Amino acid sequence: MKYKLTNHAQKQIIKRDILVKWIEAALTFPAKIETDTHDPALVHALLPISERGFRVLRVIYNESVDPIAVVTAYFDNTVKDL
């Protein structure tokens, strides 16, 4: 899947020590997909990351642009149903 990282996403993945390969894995093979409750153009891809003790990585991206734009990514400690 072709994608680009927004400036915000680039800063956040560095700050949060998130590897680009994890973002790519979440976009390509998500364990779960959710629609954003506030913006219908945004999609949330969730994937447990084994290297981080299976914490769930949430990658939020805008699917209405080409290539898709990753808006942000973070480890979501509230997800329990994967």
Protein backbone atom coordinates (compact mmCIF):
# COMPACT_ATOMS: atom_id res chain seq x y z
CA MET A 1 0.00 0.00 0.00
CA LYS A 2 1.37 3.39 -0.96
CA TYR A 3 1.33 5.95 1.82
CA LYS A 4 2.97 9.12 3.03
CA LEU A 5 3.65 10.30 6.56
CA THR A 6 2.39 13.74 7.51
CA ASN A 7 4.82 16.02 9.34
CA HIS A 8 2.90 15.37 12.54
CA ALA A 9 3.13 11.59 12.07
CA GLN A 10 6.87 11.80 11.41
CA LYS A 11 7.42 13.72 14.65
CA GLN A 12 5.19 11.42 16.68
CA ILE A 13 6.74 8.14 15.54
CA ILE A 14 10.18 9.46 16.45
CA LYS A 15 8.94 10.71 19.82
CA ARG A 16 7.10 7.44 20.52
CA ASP A 17 9.86 5.16 19.20
CA ILE A 18 7.60 3.55 16.58
CA LEU A 19 9.30 1.83 13.68
CA VAL A 20 8.15 2.53 10.12
CA LYS A 21 8.01 -1.22 9.46
CA TRP A 22 5.36 -1.51 12.19
CA ILE A 23 3.28 1.21 10.53
CA GLU A 24 3.61 -0.58 7.21
CA ALA A 25 2.58 -3.87 8.81
CA ALA A 26 -0.48 -2.24 10.41
CA LEU A 27 -1.50 -0.74 7.08
CA THR A 28 -0.94 -3.96 5.14
CA PHE A 29 -2.11 -6.60 7.64
CA PRO A 30 -4.25 -4.89 10.30
CA ALA A 31 -5.75 -7.09 13.01
CA LYS A 32 -8.69 -4.70 13.08
CA ILE A 33 -9.95 -1.67 11.15
CA GLU A 34 -12.11 1.03 12.72
CA THR A 35 -13.71 4.12 11.27
CA ASP A 36 -13.05 7.40 13.01
CA THR A 37 -15.94 8.65 15.11
CA HIS A 38 -15.31 12.30 14.19
CA ASP A 39 -13.98 12.28 10.63
CA PRO A 40 -15.31 9.80 8.02
CA ALA A 41 -12.15 10.23 5.91
CA LEU A 42 -10.00 8.76 8.69
CA VAL A 43 -9.41 5.07 9.31
CA HIS A 44 -7.75 3.40 12.30
CA ALA A 45 -5.61 0.31 11.65
CA LEU A 46 -4.78 -1.70 14.77
CA LEU A 47 -2.05 -4.28 15.12
CA PRO A 48 -0.42 -5.94 18.15
CA ILE A 49 3.35 -5.52 17.99
CA SER A 50 5.25 -8.55 19.30
CA GLU A 51 8.48 -6.59 19.85
CA ARG A 52 6.55 -4.38 22.26
CA GLY A 53 4.93 -7.13 24.30
CA PHE A 54 1.95 -7.27 21.94
CA ARG A 55 0.88 -3.73 22.74
CA VAL A 56 -1.61 -2.52 20.16
CA LEU A 57 -0.34 0.00 17.63
CA ARG A 58 -3.03 2.34 16.34
CA VAL A 59 -2.25 3.95 12.99
CA ILE A 60 -4.67 6.66 11.91
CA TYR A 61 -4.68 7.54 8.24
CA ASN A 62 -6.65 9.55 5.71
CA GLU A 63 -7.90 7.26 2.97
CA SER A 64 -9.47 10.04 0.89
CA VAL A 65 -6.12 11.12 -0.58
CA ASP A 66 -3.72 9.31 -2.89
CA PRO A 67 -1.39 8.07 -1.59
CA ILE A 68 -3.06 7.63 1.78
CA ALA A 69 -1.70 9.95 4.47
CA VAL A 70 -0.73 8.59 7.87
CA VAL A 71 -1.87 11.24 10.33
CA THR A 72 -0.50 9.75 13.56
CA ALA A 73 0.42 6.50 15.28
CA TYR A 74 0.56 5.49 18.92
CA PHE A 75 0.35 2.52 21.25
CA ASP A 76 -3.22 2.32 22.49
CA ASN A 77 -3.38 0.79 25.95
CA THR A 78 -7.19 0.86 26.00
CA VAL A 79 -7.71 -1.77 23.26
CA LYS A 80 -8.62 -5.12 24.80
CA ASP A 81 -10.54 -6.99 22.06
CA LEU A 82 -7.95 -8.07 19.50
